Amino acid sequence: MKTAIVGIGGVGGFIAGKLLEAHDDIVLIARGDKARKLREKGLYLDSDIYGNIHIQDVCVRESLRELDKVDLVFVCVKNYSLDDVIEDLKVVATKNTIIVPVMNGIEPGNRIRQALPHVKVVDGVIYIVSFVTGVGHVWQQGQIADLRLGGDKEGVEVLKDYIGDALPATYYEDIVRQIWRKYILNMAYNVETAYYDNTIGQLRDDEKKSEEYHALIEEAAEVARRLGVDIRKEDTDDIWNKFFEYHYDATSSLQRDIRDKKRLESDIFTGYLVREASKLGIELPVTKKMHERFI
């Protein structure tokens, strides 16, 4: 089974490291200096759960188009890169290809389905703290690496057999709810830390900012419910309670990207919600206020 992993960042690098322990039919898609260093030195995954993993000999290609065929594709890129990946998939994907987007936001799976209606899409969401510490080096931090999958039933069965115990995952019938749960958590966390350029602890110390964090959660949940998603009070309560569990000095990827003047994924958080709320006739005062900072 020919597998490709597109995007060897914190999430893609973790998935690659775990699967490469069990399979040798995996191609990493990376470009430029990253591709060169992966070919020279391999992939390093330093995991608080699984220990240190080094795969010396890895197959690297700069584009999916270099492959004759591909059976399984994990897409782990930023949302602004997804259109390019889709164009590559149009060239190599067949009706038997399984595509697994493990990305931020609500829309990646549906964008792939719309562009490639003949493929099998299995939606993915992962709870993990993992990041690149150097080219070809990924650190998975903490004791949580929770991959949740669901969607095309035939694709799910193939994934279960292929992944096995190499990459522990849980399979859900209600994967849309799981994606929204993660989205709401991720949105509130990224947006408010970036808006104020505060750590989570600094937000907690400020009563007004804490109230706004809670409002971000509830505003996003209202959009989800109006869209027919079964987001429950237990979901929003759990997301709110996590606000008090994060490390005091925790920052977000959006916040760090702003500091480093990198291209931002802010539109998938506030932009998506503001657009959907406008269609539904819902007011999102806190989300809209913070969205205007990122326009």
C-alpha atoms as a PDB file:
ATOM      1  CA  MET A   1       0.000   0.000   0.000  1.00  0.00           C
ATOM      2  CA  LYS A   2       1.668   3.229  -1.130  1.00  0.00           C
ATOM      3  CA  THR A   3       1.221   5.923   1.519  1.00  0.00           C
ATOM      4  CA  ALA A   4       2.143   9.588   1.287  1.00  0.00           C
ATOM      5  CA  ILE A   5       2.308  12.137   4.083  1.00  0.00           C
ATOM      6  CA  VAL A   6       2.060  15.728   2.914  1.00  0.00           C
ATOM      7  CA  GLY A   7       3.360  18.324   5.346  1.00  0.00           C
ATOM      8  CA  ILE A   8       6.133  17.163   7.689  1.00  0.00           C
ATOM      9  CA  GLY A   9       5.491  19.610  10.497  1.00  0.00           C
ATOM     10  CA  GLY A  10       4.476  18.871  14.064  1.00  0.00           C
ATOM     11  CA  VAL A  11       1.459  16.710  13.196  1.00  0.00           C
ATOM     12  CA  GLY A  12       2.697  15.234   9.910  1.00  0.00           C
ATOM     13  CA  GLY A  13       6.097  14.480  11.420  1.00  0.00           C
ATOM     14  CA  PHE A  14       4.501  12.670  14.358  1.00  0.00           C
ATOM     15  CA  ILE A  15       2.256  10.573  12.085  1.00  0.00           C
ATOM     16  CA  ALA A  16       5.200   9.834   9.785  1.00  0.00           C
ATOM     17  CA  GLY A  17       7.496   8.789  12.611  1.00  0.00           C
ATOM     18  CA  LYS A  18       4.979   6.366  14.073  1.00  0.00           C
ATOM     19  CA  LEU A  19       3.940   4.819  10.753  1.00  0.00           C
ATOM     20  CA  LEU A  20       7.523   4.487   9.495  1.00  0.00           C
ATOM     21  CA  GLU A  21       8.258   2.231  12.457  1.00  0.00           C
ATOM     22  CA  ALA A  22       5.799  -0.290  11.032  1.00  0.00           C
ATOM     23  CA  HIS A  23       5.801   0.301   7.266  1.00  0.00           C
ATOM     24  CA  ASP A  24       8.422   0.927   4.609  1.00  0.00           C
ATOM     25  CA  ASP A  25       6.006   1.945   1.836  1.00  0.00           C
ATOM     26  CA  ILE A  26       5.711   5.567   2.963  1.00  0.00           C
ATOM     27  CA  VAL A  27       6.710   8.659   1.011  1.00  0.00           C
ATOM     28  CA  LEU A  28       7.233  12.005   2.719  1.00  0.00           C
ATOM     29  CA  ILE A  29       6.296  15.036   0.659  1.00  0.00           C
ATOM     30  CA  ALA A  30       8.573  17.966   1.404  1.00  0.00           C
ATOM     31  CA  ARG A  31      10.376  20.612  -0.609  1.00  0.00           C
ATOM     32  CA  GLY A  32      13.669  22.438  -0.788  1.00  0.00           C
ATOM     33  CA  ASP A  33      16.024  22.345   2.167  1.00  0.00           C
ATOM     34  CA  LYS A  34      13.586  20.257   4.213  1.00  0.00           C
ATOM     35  CA  ALA A  35      13.559  17.561   1.520  1.00  0.00           C
ATOM     36  CA  ARG A  36      17.345  17.577   1.261  1.00  0.00           C
ATOM     37  CA  LYS A  37      17.895  17.253   5.006  1.00  0.00           C
ATOM     38  CA  LEU A  38      15.298  14.504   5.355  1.00  0.00           C
ATOM     39  CA  ARG A  39      17.091  12.517   2.642  1.00  0.00           C
ATOM     40  CA  GLU A  40      20.473  13.091   4.278  1.00  0.00           C
ATOM     41  CA  LYS A  41      19.659  12.610   7.956  1.00  0.00           C
ATOM     42  CA  GLY A  42      16.240  10.983   8.089  1.00  0.00           C
ATOM     43  CA  LEU A  43      13.358  11.842  10.409  1.00  0.00           C
ATOM     44  CA  TYR A  44      13.716  12.287  14.164  1.00  0.00           C
ATOM     45  CA  LEU A  45      10.668  12.064  16.424  1.00  0.00           C
ATOM     46  CA  ASP A  46      11.268  12.776  20.099  1.00  0.00           C
ATOM     47  CA  SER A  47       8.108  11.687  21.871  1.00  0.00           C
ATOM     48  CA  ASP A  48       7.257  11.981  25.543  1.00  0.00           C
ATOM     49  CA  ILE A  49       4.971   8.970  25.043  1.00  0.00           C
ATOM     50  CA  TYR A  50       6.909   6.727  22.667  1.00  0.00           C
ATOM     51  CA  GLY A  51      10.507   7.734  23.266  1.00  0.00           C
ATOM     52  CA  ASN A  52      13.055   8.766  20.663  1.00  0.00           C
ATOM     53  CA  ILE A  53      12.497   7.453  17.145  1.00  0.00           C
ATOM     54  CA  HIS A  54      14.957   7.907  14.288  1.00  0.00           C
ATOM     55  CA  ILE A  55      14.185   6.649  10.801  1.00  0.00           C
ATOM     56  CA  GLN A  56      17.389   7.049   8.807  1.00  0.00           C
ATOM     57  CA  ASP A  57      16.321   5.939   5.350  1.00  0.00           C
ATOM     58  CA  VAL A  58      13.188   7.789   4.263  1.00  0.00           C
ATOM     59  CA  CYS A  59      11.714   8.177   0.813  1.00  0.00           C
ATOM     60  CA  VAL A  60      11.172  11.860   0.042  1.00  0.00           C
ATOM     61  CA  ARG A  61       9.520  13.467  -2.947  1.00  0.00           C
ATOM     62  CA  GLU A  62       8.859  17.156  -3.573  1.00  0.00           C
ATOM     63  CA  SER A  63       5.389  16.618  -5.024  1.00  0.00           C
ATOM     64  CA  LEU A  64       2.657  14.010  -5.095  1.00  0.00           C
ATOM     65  CA  ARG A  65       2.874  14.279  -8.882  1.00  0.00           C
ATOM     66  CA  GLU A  66       6.174  12.396  -8.756  1.00  0.00           C
ATOM     67  CA  LEU A  67       4.326   9.237  -7.657  1.00  0.00           C
ATOM     68  CA  ASP A  68       2.918   6.719 -10.112  1.00  0.00           C
ATOM     69  CA  LYS A  69       0.100   5.898  -7.703  1.00  0.00           C
ATOM     70  CA  VAL A  70      -0.938   6.540  -4.146  1.00  0.00           C
ATOM     71  CA  ASP A  71      -3.336   4.511  -2.025  1.00  0.00           C
ATOM     72  CA  LEU A  72      -3.393   6.545   1.183  1.00  0.00           C
ATOM     73  CA  VAL A  73      -2.596  10.228   1.726  1.00  0.00           C
ATOM     74  CA  PHE A  74      -2.369  12.014   5.074  1.00  0.00           C
ATOM     75  CA  VAL A  75      -2.722  15.758   4.440  1.00  0.00           C
ATOM     76  CA  CYS A  76      -1.150  17.749   7.288  1.00  0.00           C
ATOM     77  CA  VAL A  77      -0.604  21.192   5.786  1.00  0.00           C
ATOM     78  CA  LYS A  78      -1.734  24.697   6.631  1.00  0.00           C
ATOM     79  CA  ASN A  79      -5.126  25.555   5.168  1.00  0.00           C
ATOM     80  CA  TYR A  80      -3.673  28.089   2.740  1.00  0.00           C
ATOM     81  CA  SER A  81      -1.669  25.245   1.118  1.00  0.00           C
ATOM     82  CA  LEU A  82      -4.611  22.877   0.679  1.00  0.00           C
ATOM     83  CA  ASP A  83      -5.610  24.070  -2.803  1.00  0.00           C
ATOM     84  CA  ASP A  84      -2.137  23.205  -4.127  1.00  0.00           C
ATOM     85  CA  VAL A  85      -2.343  19.747  -2.559  1.00  0.00           C
ATOM     86  CA  ILE A  86      -5.772  19.207  -4.109  1.00  0.00           C
ATOM     87  CA  GLU A  87      -4.406  20.062  -7.561  1.00  0.00           C
ATOM     88  CA  ASP A  88      -1.679  17.446  -7.079  1.00  0.00           C
ATOM     89  CA  LEU A  89      -4.222  14.901  -5.859  1.00  0.00           C
ATOM     90  CA  LYS A  90      -6.266  15.414  -9.017  1.00  0.00           C
ATOM     91  CA  VAL A  91      -3.304  14.000 -10.938  1.00  0.00           C
ATOM     92  CA  VAL A  92      -2.547  10.901  -8.838  1.00  0.00           C
ATOM     93  CA  ALA A  93      -5.669   9.986  -6.829  1.00  0.00           C
ATOM     94  CA  THR A  94      -8.027   7.253  -8.038  1.00  0.00           C
ATOM     95  CA  LYS A  95     -11.419   6.066  -6.812  1.00  0.00           C
ATOM     96  CA  ASN A  96      -9.591   3.728  -4.439  1.00  0.00           C
ATOM     97  CA  THR A  97      -7.393   6.421  -2.901  1.00  0.00           C
ATOM     98  CA  ILE A  98      -8.087   7.242   0.749  1.00  0.00           C
ATOM     99  CA  ILE A  99      -7.368  10.819   1.804  1.00  0.00           C
ATOM    100  CA  VAL A 100      -7.079  11.740   5.471  1.00  0.00           C
ATOM    101  CA  PRO A 101      -6.891  15.467   6.228  1.00  0.00           C
ATOM    102  CA  VAL A 102      -5.540  16.098   9.725  1.00  0.00           C
ATOM    103  CA  MET A 103      -5.658  19.879   9.731  1.00  0.00           C
ATOM    104  CA  ASN A 104      -7.042  22.882  11.540  1.00  0.00           C
ATOM    105  CA  GLY A 105     -10.538  24.090  10.810  1.00  0.00           C
ATOM    106  CA  ILE A 106     -13.894  22.726   9.739  1.00  0.00           C
ATOM    107  CA  GLU A 107     -13.640  22.747   5.962  1.00  0.00           C
ATOM    108  CA  PRO A 108     -10.648  20.649   4.745  1.00  0.00           C
ATOM    109  CA  GLY A 109     -12.543  17.352   4.356  1.00  0.00           C
ATOM    110  CA  ASN A 110     -15.428  18.956   2.505  1.00  0.00           C
ATOM    111  CA  ARG A 111     -13.108  20.954   0.264  1.00  0.00           C
ATOM    112  CA  ILE A 112     -11.419  17.709  -0.766  1.00  0.00           C
ATOM    113  CA  ARG A 113     -14.766  15.958  -1.313  1.00  0.00           C
ATOM    114  CA  GLN A 114     -15.997  18.793  -3.479  1.00  0.00           C
ATOM    115  CA  ALA A 115     -12.873  18.843  -5.648  1.00  0.00           C
ATOM    116  CA  LEU A 116     -12.409  15.049  -5.766  1.00  0.00           C
ATOM    117  CA  PRO A 117     -15.835  13.418  -5.433  1.00  0.00           C
ATOM    118  CA  HIS A 118     -14.504  10.028  -6.566  1.00  0.00           C
ATOM    119  CA  VAL A 119     -12.027   9.510  -3.686  1.00  0.00           C
ATOM    120  CA  LYS A 120     -12.621   8.192  -0.171  1.00  0.00           C
ATOM    121  CA  VAL A 121     -12.219  10.874   2.509  1.00  0.00           C
ATOM    122  CA  VAL A 122     -11.706   9.941   6.145  1.00  0.00           C
ATOM    123  CA  ASP A 123     -11.805  13.032   8.338  1.00  0.00           C
ATOM    124  CA  GLY A 124      -9.214  13.337  11.062  1.00  0.00           C
ATOM    125  CA  VAL A 125      -8.633  15.456  14.133  1.00  0.00           C
ATOM    126  CA  ILE A 126      -5.782  15.134  16.590  1.00  0.00           C
ATOM    127  CA  TYR A 127      -5.253  16.378  20.137  1.00  0.00           C
ATOM    128  CA  ILE A 128      -1.513  16.737  20.463  1.00  0.00           C
ATOM    129  CA  VAL A 129       1.238  19.158  21.346  1.00  0.00           C
ATOM    130  CA  SER A 130       3.941  18.641  18.739  1.00  0.00           C
ATOM    131  CA  PHE A 131       6.196  21.021  16.900  1.00  0.00           C
ATOM    132  CA  VAL A 132       9.286  21.194  14.738  1.00  0.00           C
ATOM    133  CA  THR A 133      12.504  21.827  16.647  1.00  0.00           C
ATOM    134  CA  GLY A 134      14.689  21.725  13.526  1.00  0.00           C
ATOM    135  CA  VAL A 135      14.430  20.485   9.957  1.00  0.00           C
ATOM    136  CA  GLY A 136      13.490  16.806  10.190  1.00  0.00           C
ATOM    137  CA  HIS A 137      13.161  16.984  13.993  1.00  0.00           C
ATOM    138  CA  VAL A 138       9.763  16.843  15.706  1.00  0.00           C
ATOM    139  CA  TRP A 139       9.029  16.918  19.422  1.00  0.00           C
ATOM    140  CA  GLN A 140       5.764  15.473  20.732  1.00  0.00           C
ATOM    141  CA  GLN A 141       5.256  16.938  24.187  1.00  0.00           C
ATOM    142  CA  GLY A 142       3.140  15.585  27.026  1.00  0.00           C
ATOM    143  CA  GLN A 143       1.078  12.440  27.431  1.00  0.00           C
ATOM    144  CA  ILE A 144      -1.678  13.141  24.898  1.00  0.00           C
ATOM    145  CA  ALA A 145      -1.593  12.103  21.247  1.00  0.00           C
ATOM    146  CA  ASP A 146      -5.251  11.453  20.530  1.00  0.00           C
ATOM    147  CA  LEU A 147      -6.053  10.834  16.843  1.00  0.00           C
ATOM    148  CA  ARG A 148      -9.765  10.636  16.001  1.00  0.00           C
ATOM    149  CA  LEU A 149     -10.962   9.401  12.606  1.00  0.00           C
ATOM    150  CA  GLY A 150     -14.269   8.887  10.856  1.00  0.00           C
ATOM    151  CA  GLY A 151     -16.059   9.289   7.559  1.00  0.00           C
ATOM    152  CA  ASP A 152     -16.065   6.990   4.531  1.00  0.00           C
ATOM    153  CA  LYS A 153     -16.827   3.550   5.998  1.00  0.00           C
ATOM    154  CA  GLU A 154     -14.773   1.560   3.518  1.00  0.00           C
ATOM    155  CA  GLY A 155     -11.864   3.925   3.995  1.00  0.00           C
ATOM    156  CA  VAL A 156     -12.110   3.608   7.753  1.00  0.00           C
ATOM    157  CA  GLU A 157     -11.892  -0.196   7.573  1.00  0.00           C
ATOM    158  CA  VAL A 158      -8.796  -0.021   5.369  1.00  0.00           C
ATOM    159  CA  LEU A 159      -7.208   2.465   7.762  1.00  0.00           C
ATOM    160  CA  LYS A 160      -7.871   0.244  10.763  1.00  0.00           C
ATOM    161  CA  ASP A 161      -6.047  -2.651   9.110  1.00  0.00           C
ATOM    162  CA  TYR A 162      -3.152  -0.532   7.872  1.00  0.00           C
ATOM    163  CA  ILE A 163      -2.553   1.580  10.956  1.00  0.00           C
ATOM    164  CA  GLY A 164      -3.005  -1.253  13.444  1.00  0.00           C
ATOM    165  CA  ASP A 165      -1.151  -0.535  16.660  1.00  0.00           C
ATOM    166  CA  ALA A 166       1.493   1.609  14.949  1.00  0.00           C
ATOM    167  CA  LEU A 167      -0.567   4.785  15.252  1.00  0.00           C
ATOM    168  CA  PRO A 168      -3.220   4.495  17.970  1.00  0.00           C
ATOM    169  CA  ALA A 169      -6.503   6.040  16.842  1.00  0.00           C
ATOM    170  CA  THR A 170     -10.149   6.090  17.849  1.00  0.00           C
ATOM    171  CA  TYR A 171     -12.884   5.829  15.246  1.00  0.00           C
ATOM    172  CA  TYR A 172     -16.087   7.841  15.557  1.00  0.00           C
ATOM    173  CA  GLU A 173     -19.457   7.714  13.861  1.00  0.00           C
ATOM    174  CA  ASP A 174     -20.011  11.354  14.895  1.00  0.00           C
ATOM    175  CA  ILE A 175     -16.733  12.655  13.478  1.00  0.00           C
ATOM    176  CA  VAL A 176     -18.328  16.028  12.598  1.00  0.00           C
ATOM    177  CA  ARG A 177     -19.017  16.633  16.286  1.00  0.00           C
ATOM    178  CA  GLN A 178     -15.434  15.649  17.114  1.00  0.00           C
ATOM    179  CA  ILE A 179     -14.071  18.074  14.526  1.00  0.00           C
ATOM    180  CA  TRP A 180     -16.218  20.909  15.896  1.00  0.00           C
ATOM    181  CA  ARG A 181     -15.182  20.160  19.488  1.00  0.00           C
ATOM    182  CA  LYS A 182     -11.519  20.472  18.528  1.00  0.00           C
ATOM    183  CA  TYR A 183     -12.226  23.480  16.340  1.00  0.00           C
ATOM    184  CA  ILE A 184     -13.954  25.422  19.119  1.00  0.00           C
ATOM    185  CA  LEU A 185     -11.173  24.612  21.582  1.00  0.00           C
ATOM    186  CA  ASN A 186      -8.483  25.516  19.053  1.00  0.00           C
ATOM    187  CA  MET A 187     -10.249  28.682  17.905  1.00  0.00           C
ATOM    188  CA  ALA A 188     -10.685  30.196  21.366  1.00  0.00           C
ATOM    189  CA  TYR A 189      -7.146  29.246  22.394  1.00  0.00           C
ATOM    190  CA  ASN A 190      -5.445  30.612  19.268  1.00  0.00           C
ATOM    191  CA  VAL A 191      -7.575  33.685  18.715  1.00  0.00           C
ATOM    192  CA  GLU A 192      -7.480  35.246  22.174  1.00  0.00           C
ATOM    193  CA  THR A 193      -3.821  34.496  22.904  1.00  0.00           C
ATOM    194  CA  ALA A 194      -2.974  36.059  19.520  1.00  0.00           C
ATOM    195  CA  TYR A 195      -5.340  39.015  19.893  1.00  0.00           C
ATOM    196  CA  TYR A 196      -3.828  40.108  23.196  1.00  0.00           C
ATOM    197  CA  ASP A 197      -0.401  38.486  22.701  1.00  0.00           C
ATOM    198  CA  ASN A 198      -0.834  36.986  26.171  1.00  0.00           C
ATOM    199  CA  THR A 199      -0.071  33.611  27.608  1.00  0.00           C
ATOM    200  CA  ILE A 200      -3.036  31.537  28.735  1.00  0.00           C
ATOM    201  CA  GLY A 201      -2.124  32.339  32.336  1.00  0.00           C
ATOM    202  CA  GLN A 202      -2.218  36.074  31.638  1.00  0.00           C
ATOM    203  CA  LEU A 203      -5.685  35.692  30.103  1.00  0.00           C
ATOM    204  CA  ARG A 204      -6.874  33.781  33.181  1.00  0.00           C
ATOM    205  CA  ASP A 205      -5.555  36.543  35.454  1.00  0.00           C
ATOM    206  CA  ASP A 206      -7.787  39.113  33.756  1.00  0.00           C
ATOM    207  CA  GLU A 207     -11.511  38.750  34.485  1.00  0.00           C
ATOM    208  CA  LYS A 208     -12.613  40.559  31.308  1.00  0.00           C
ATOM    209  CA  LYS A 209     -10.339  38.462  29.100  1.00  0.00           C
ATOM    210  CA  SER A 210     -11.556  35.277  30.771  1.00  0.00           C
ATOM    211  CA  GLU A 211     -15.141  36.295  30.070  1.00  0.00           C
ATOM    212  CA  GLU A 212     -14.250  36.936  26.438  1.00  0.00           C
ATOM    213  CA  TYR A 213     -12.622  33.507  26.178  1.00  0.00           C
ATOM    214  CA  HIS A 214     -15.848  31.946  27.411  1.00  0.00           C
ATOM    215  CA  ALA A 215     -17.826  34.075  24.948  1.00  0.00           C
ATOM    216  CA  LEU A 216     -15.672  32.844  22.044  1.00  0.00           C
ATOM    217  CA  ILE A 217     -16.528  29.262  23.000  1.00  0.00           C
ATOM    218  CA  GLU A 218     -20.257  29.944  23.247  1.00  0.00           C
ATOM    219  CA  GLU A 219     -20.409  31.986  20.027  1.00  0.00           C
ATOM    220  CA  ALA A 220     -18.713  29.221  18.033  1.00  0.00           C
ATOM    221  CA  ALA A 221     -20.960  26.589  19.608  1.00  0.00           C
ATOM    222  CA  GLU A 222     -24.054  28.580  18.601  1.00  0.00           C
ATOM    223  CA  VAL A 223     -22.906  28.617  14.972  1.00  0.00           C
ATOM    224  CA  ALA A 224     -22.304  24.853  15.116  1.00  0.00           C
ATOM    225  CA  ARG A 225     -25.748  24.161  16.537  1.00  0.00           C
ATOM    226  CA  ARG A 226     -27.436  26.359  13.950  1.00  0.00           C
ATOM    227  CA  LEU A 227     -25.590  24.357  11.293  1.00  0.00           C
ATOM    228  CA  GLY A 228     -27.074  21.170  12.716  1.00  0.00           C
ATOM    229  CA  VAL A 229     -24.030  19.916  14.618  1.00  0.00           C
ATOM    230  CA  ASP A 230     -24.720  18.111  17.890  1.00  0.00           C
ATOM    231  CA  ILE A 231     -22.542  20.287  20.119  1.00  0.00           C
ATOM    232  CA  ARG A 232     -23.689  19.750  23.687  1.00  0.00           C
ATOM    233  CA  LYS A 233     -23.321  21.675  26.920  1.00  0.00           C
ATOM    234  CA  GLU A 234     -20.920  18.985  28.115  1.00  0.00           C
ATOM    235  CA  ASP A 235     -18.708  19.791  25.122  1.00  0.00           C
ATOM    236  CA  THR A 236     -18.530  23.518  25.805  1.00  0.00           C
ATOM    237  CA  ASP A 237     -18.123  22.944  29.554  1.00  0.00           C
ATOM    238  CA  ASP A 238     -15.179  20.635  28.871  1.00  0.00           C
ATOM    239  CA  ILE A 239     -13.549  23.183  26.549  1.00  0.00           C
ATOM    240  CA  TRP A 240     -14.052  25.936  29.156  1.00  0.00           C
ATOM    241  CA  ASN A 241     -12.610  23.796  31.948  1.00  0.00           C
ATOM    242  CA  LYS A 242      -9.498  23.119  29.867  1.00  0.00           C
ATOM    243  CA  PHE A 243      -8.830  26.863  29.886  1.00  0.00           C
ATOM    244  CA  PHE A 244      -7.909  26.479  33.557  1.00  0.00           C
ATOM    245  CA  GLU A 245      -5.732  23.409  32.983  1.00  0.00           C
ATOM    246  CA  TYR A 246      -3.241  24.790  30.460  1.00  0.00           C
ATOM    247  CA  HIS A 247       0.251  25.705  31.597  1.00  0.00           C
ATOM    248  CA  TYR A 248       0.463  29.342  32.686  1.00  0.00           C
ATOM    249  CA  ASP A 249       3.088  30.182  30.051  1.00  0.00           C
ATOM    250  CA  ALA A 250       1.338  28.386  27.175  1.00  0.00           C
ATOM    251  CA  THR A 251       1.162  30.295  23.879  1.00  0.00           C
ATOM    252  CA  SER A 252      -0.514  29.449  20.570  1.00  0.00           C
ATOM    253  CA  SER A 253       0.775  28.722  17.073  1.00  0.00           C
ATOM    254  CA  LEU A 254      -1.185  31.690  15.682  1.00  0.00           C
ATOM    255  CA  GLN A 255       0.377  33.952  18.280  1.00  0.00           C
ATOM    256  CA  ARG A 256       3.878  32.688  17.438  1.00  0.00           C
ATOM    257  CA  ASP A 257       3.254  33.026  13.693  1.00  0.00           C
ATOM    258  CA  ILE A 258       2.256  36.677  14.179  1.00  0.00           C
ATOM    259  CA  ARG A 259       5.419  37.319  16.173  1.00  0.00           C
ATOM    260  CA  ASP A 260       7.523  35.620  13.496  1.00  0.00           C
ATOM    261  CA  LYS A 261       5.687  37.476  10.694  1.00  0.00           C
ATOM    262  CA  LYS A 262       4.627  34.220   9.050  1.00  0.00           C
ATOM    263  CA  ARG A 263       1.612  33.684   6.852  1.00  0.00           C
ATOM    264  CA  LEU A 264      -1.426  33.230   9.106  1.00  0.00           C
ATOM    265  CA  GLU A 265      -4.265  30.721   9.358  1.00  0.00           C
ATOM    266  CA  SER A 266      -6.476  33.226  11.185  1.00  0.00           C
ATOM    267  CA  ASP A 267      -9.193  33.128   8.508  1.00  0.00           C
ATOM    268  CA  ILE A 268     -10.096  29.525   9.331  1.00  0.00           C
ATOM    269  CA  PHE A 269     -10.832  30.579  12.907  1.00  0.00           C
ATOM    270  CA  THR A 270     -12.558  33.957  13.062  1.00  0.00           C
ATOM    271  CA  GLY A 271     -13.119  34.435   9.327  1.00  0.00           C
ATOM    272  CA  TYR A 272     -15.006  31.186   8.880  1.00  0.00           C
ATOM    273  CA  LEU A 273     -17.247  31.860  11.882  1.00  0.00           C
ATOM    274  CA  VAL A 274     -18.037  35.440  10.867  1.00  0.00           C
ATOM    275  CA  ARG A 275     -19.013  34.322   7.354  1.00  0.00           C
ATOM    276  CA  GLU A 276     -21.237  31.493   8.591  1.00  0.00           C
ATOM    277  CA  ALA A 277     -22.843  33.695  11.263  1.00  0.00           C
ATOM    278  CA  SER A 278     -23.664  36.304   8.636  1.00  0.00           C
ATOM    279  CA  LYS A 279     -25.481  33.678   6.552  1.00  0.00           C
ATOM    280  CA  LEU A 280     -27.375  32.486   9.625  1.00  0.00           C
ATOM    281  CA  GLY A 281     -28.216  35.927  10.988  1.00  0.00           C
ATOM    282  CA  ILE A 282     -26.274  35.388  14.225  1.00  0.00           C
ATOM    283  CA  GLU A 283     -24.397  38.114  16.112  1.00  0.00           C
ATOM    284  CA  LEU A 284     -20.865  37.224  17.260  1.00  0.00           C
ATOM    285  CA  PRO A 285     -19.664  40.392  19.023  1.00  0.00           C
ATOM    286  CA  VAL A 286     -16.455  39.038  20.572  1.00  0.00           C
ATOM    287  CA  THR A 287     -15.462  36.895  17.597  1.00  0.00           C
ATOM    288  CA  LYS A 288     -16.088  39.771  15.185  1.00  0.00           C
ATOM    289  CA  LYS A 289     -14.101  42.220  17.314  1.00  0.00           C
ATOM    290  CA  MET A 290     -11.089  39.910  17.327  1.00  0.00           C
ATOM    291  CA  HIS A 291     -11.523  39.021  13.657  1.00  0.00           C
ATOM    292  CA  GLU A 292     -11.065  42.667  12.708  1.00  0.00           C
ATOM    293  CA  ARG A 293      -7.553  42.571  14.187  1.00  0.00           C
ATOM    294  CA  PHE A 294      -6.532  39.805  11.776  1.00  0.00           C
ATOM    295  CA  ILE A 295      -8.020  41.182   8.546  1.00  0.00           C
END
